[in-house]
Amino acid sequence: MPLLAIVQVSHGGVSGAIPMLSLGYRWKIGDGKDINVRKDPWIRTRQNLRPTTLPANNLLNLTVSQLFNPTTNTWNRDSIASIMNTYDTSDICKLPLHS
């Protein structure tokens, strides 16, 4: 499963991992291609696991994979900051990426 690298989730998907995450388990973003920035819960430091900034309507299908450079395995802070508020940008850039 590409979404979660540390917590192996079976039938519950990302939402099935939420109880385990509340116990202190951590996840890493996989390739990010299946995580919708707006719709999916993916920011582990948030109670609802979602950004507070709602992307513009032209970014409704934005995926997490579009926010980082897969070659360098680093977040693209400038791109994130251009569409998210400072609070979201900071929390997103702290999330561990796959290695």
C-alpha atoms as a PDB file:
ATOM      1  CA  MET A   1       0.000   0.000   0.000  1.00  0.00           C
ATOM      2  CA  PRO A   2       1.721   3.224  -1.108  1.00  0.00           C
ATOM      3  CA  LEU A   3       0.030   5.584   1.364  1.00  0.00           C
ATOM      4  CA  LEU A   4       1.396   4.222   4.578  1.00  0.00           C
ATOM      5  CA  ALA A   5       4.932   3.021   5.026  1.00  0.00           C
ATOM      6  CA  ILE A   6       5.052   2.347   8.751  1.00  0.00           C
ATOM      7  CA  VAL A   7       1.509   1.397   9.694  1.00  0.00           C
ATOM      8  CA  GLN A   8       0.278  -1.451   7.560  1.00  0.00           C
ATOM      9  CA  VAL A   9      -3.397  -0.946   7.039  1.00  0.00           C
ATOM     10  CA  SER A  10      -5.629  -3.674   5.743  1.00  0.00           C
ATOM     11  CA  HIS A  11      -9.270  -3.115   4.894  1.00  0.00           C
ATOM     12  CA  GLY A  12      -9.761   0.224   6.643  1.00  0.00           C
ATOM     13  CA  GLY A  13      -7.679   2.409   4.323  1.00  0.00           C
ATOM     14  CA  VAL A  14      -6.315   5.685   5.714  1.00  0.00           C
ATOM     15  CA  SER A  15      -9.312   6.186   8.009  1.00  0.00           C
ATOM     16  CA  GLY A  16      -8.666   2.737   9.463  1.00  0.00           C
ATOM     17  CA  ALA A  17      -5.233   3.931  10.557  1.00  0.00           C
ATOM     18  CA  ILE A  18      -6.524   6.891  12.564  1.00  0.00           C
ATOM     19  CA  PRO A  19      -7.018   4.933  15.827  1.00  0.00           C
ATOM     20  CA  MET A  20      -3.483   3.550  15.563  1.00  0.00           C
ATOM     21  CA  LEU A  21      -2.063   6.995  14.843  1.00  0.00           C
ATOM     22  CA  SER A  22      -3.709   8.359  17.976  1.00  0.00           C
ATOM     23  CA  LEU A  23      -1.685   5.793  19.926  1.00  0.00           C
ATOM     24  CA  GLY A  24       1.542   7.319  18.649  1.00  0.00           C
ATOM     25  CA  TYR A  25       2.220   5.320  15.506  1.00  0.00           C
ATOM     26  CA  ARG A  26       3.691   7.385  12.686  1.00  0.00           C
ATOM     27  CA  TRP A  27       3.141   7.173   9.007  1.00  0.00           C
ATOM     28  CA  LYS A  28       5.199   8.327   6.101  1.00  0.00           C
ATOM     29  CA  ILE A  29       3.813   9.613   2.863  1.00  0.00           C
ATOM     30  CA  GLY A  30       4.349   6.971   0.184  1.00  0.00           C
ATOM     31  CA  ASP A  31       4.395   8.127  -3.409  1.00  0.00           C
ATOM     32  CA  GLY A  32       1.470  10.461  -2.581  1.00  0.00           C
ATOM     33  CA  LYS A  33      -0.323   9.770  -5.845  1.00  0.00           C
ATOM     34  CA  ASP A  34      -3.432   8.428  -4.119  1.00  0.00           C
ATOM     35  CA  ILE A  35      -3.734  11.133  -1.463  1.00  0.00           C
ATOM     36  CA  ASN A  36      -6.011  14.027  -2.398  1.00  0.00           C
ATOM     37  CA  VAL A  37      -4.753  17.152  -0.608  1.00  0.00           C
ATOM     38  CA  ARG A  38      -8.252  18.481  -0.003  1.00  0.00           C
ATOM     39  CA  LYS A  39     -10.346  15.357   0.614  1.00  0.00           C
ATOM     40  CA  ASP A  40      -8.091  12.834   2.341  1.00  0.00           C
ATOM     41  CA  PRO A  41      -6.873  12.878   5.953  1.00  0.00           C
ATOM     42  CA  TRP A  42      -3.071  12.978   5.719  1.00  0.00           C
ATOM     43  CA  ILE A  43      -1.504  15.622   7.998  1.00  0.00           C
ATOM     44  CA  ARG A  44      -0.711  13.672  11.152  1.00  0.00           C
ATOM     45  CA  THR A  45      -0.312  16.721  13.406  1.00  0.00           C
ATOM     46  CA  ARG A  46      -3.944  17.749  12.887  1.00  0.00           C
ATOM     47  CA  GLN A  47      -6.916  16.482  14.823  1.00  0.00           C
ATOM     48  CA  ASN A  48      -8.881  16.024  11.585  1.00  0.00           C
ATOM     49  CA  LEU A  49      -5.668  15.194   9.639  1.00  0.00           C
ATOM     50  CA  ARG A  50      -6.487  17.788   6.937  1.00  0.00           C
ATOM     51  CA  PRO A  51      -5.082  21.191   5.941  1.00  0.00           C
ATOM     52  CA  THR A  52      -6.898  24.323   7.114  1.00  0.00           C
ATOM     53  CA  THR A  53      -6.351  26.041   3.771  1.00  0.00           C
ATOM     54  CA  LEU A  54      -8.800  24.958   1.117  1.00  0.00           C
ATOM     55  CA  PRO A  55      -7.109  24.852  -2.282  1.00  0.00           C
ATOM     56  CA  ALA A  56      -8.564  26.920  -5.090  1.00  0.00           C
ATOM     57  CA  ASN A  57     -11.213  25.258  -7.244  1.00  0.00           C
ATOM     58  CA  ASN A  58      -8.651  24.579  -9.975  1.00  0.00           C
ATOM     59  CA  LEU A  59      -6.725  22.442  -7.436  1.00  0.00           C
ATOM     60  CA  LEU A  60      -9.581  20.156  -6.364  1.00  0.00           C
ATOM     61  CA  ASN A  61      -7.719  17.098  -7.664  1.00  0.00           C
ATOM     62  CA  LEU A  62      -4.311  18.100  -6.299  1.00  0.00           C
ATOM     63  CA  THR A  63      -2.451  15.116  -4.893  1.00  0.00           C
ATOM     64  CA  VAL A  64       0.291  15.048  -2.282  1.00  0.00           C
ATOM     65  CA  SER A  65       2.692  13.736  -4.934  1.00  0.00           C
ATOM     66  CA  GLN A  66       2.479  17.146  -6.595  1.00  0.00           C
ATOM     67  CA  LEU A  67       3.859  18.817  -3.466  1.00  0.00           C
ATOM     68  CA  PHE A  68       7.242  17.118  -3.312  1.00  0.00           C
ATOM     69  CA  ASN A  69      10.172  16.292  -5.533  1.00  0.00           C
ATOM     70  CA  PRO A  70      10.418  12.494  -5.839  1.00  0.00           C
ATOM     71  CA  THR A  71      14.006  12.670  -7.106  1.00  0.00           C
ATOM     72  CA  THR A  72      15.353  14.530  -4.072  1.00  0.00           C
ATOM     73  CA  ASN A  73      12.651  13.179  -1.731  1.00  0.00           C
ATOM     74  CA  THR A  74      12.016  16.670  -0.332  1.00  0.00           C
ATOM     75  CA  TRP A  75       8.934  18.816   0.015  1.00  0.00           C
ATOM     76  CA  ASN A  76       8.649  21.703  -2.444  1.00  0.00           C
ATOM     77  CA  ARG A  77       8.172  24.398   0.191  1.00  0.00           C
ATOM     78  CA  ASP A  78       7.747  27.204  -2.352  1.00  0.00           C
ATOM     79  CA  SER A  79       4.942  25.379  -4.161  1.00  0.00           C
ATOM     80  CA  ILE A  80       3.227  24.486  -0.904  1.00  0.00           C
ATOM     81  CA  ALA A  81       3.522  28.051   0.410  1.00  0.00           C
ATOM     82  CA  SER A  82       1.977  29.386  -2.800  1.00  0.00           C
ATOM     83  CA  ILE A  83      -1.269  27.472  -2.181  1.00  0.00           C
ATOM     84  CA  MET A  84      -1.364  26.937   1.604  1.00  0.00           C
ATOM     85  CA  ASN A  85      -1.236  29.189   4.642  1.00  0.00           C
ATOM     86  CA  THR A  86       1.911  29.382   6.790  1.00  0.00           C
ATOM     87  CA  TYR A  87       0.526  26.985   9.405  1.00  0.00           C
ATOM     88  CA  ASP A  88      -0.248  24.294   6.815  1.00  0.00           C
ATOM     89  CA  THR A  89       3.038  24.808   4.993  1.00  0.00           C
ATOM     90  CA  SER A  90       5.012  24.348   8.198  1.00  0.00           C
ATOM     91  CA  ASP A  91       3.151  21.180   9.239  1.00  0.00           C
ATOM     92  CA  ILE A  92       3.294  19.621   5.767  1.00  0.00           C
ATOM     93  CA  CYS A  93       7.034  20.210   5.425  1.00  0.00           C
ATOM     94  CA  LYS A  94       7.604  18.414   8.753  1.00  0.00           C
ATOM     95  CA  LEU A  95       5.975  15.205   7.517  1.00  0.00           C
ATOM     96  CA  PRO A  96       8.468  12.432   6.773  1.00  0.00           C
ATOM     97  CA  LEU A  97       8.595  11.262   3.180  1.00  0.00           C
ATOM     98  CA  HIS A  98       9.264   7.737   2.011  1.00  0.00           C
ATOM     99  CA  SER A  99      12.877   6.721   1.656  1.00  0.00           C
END
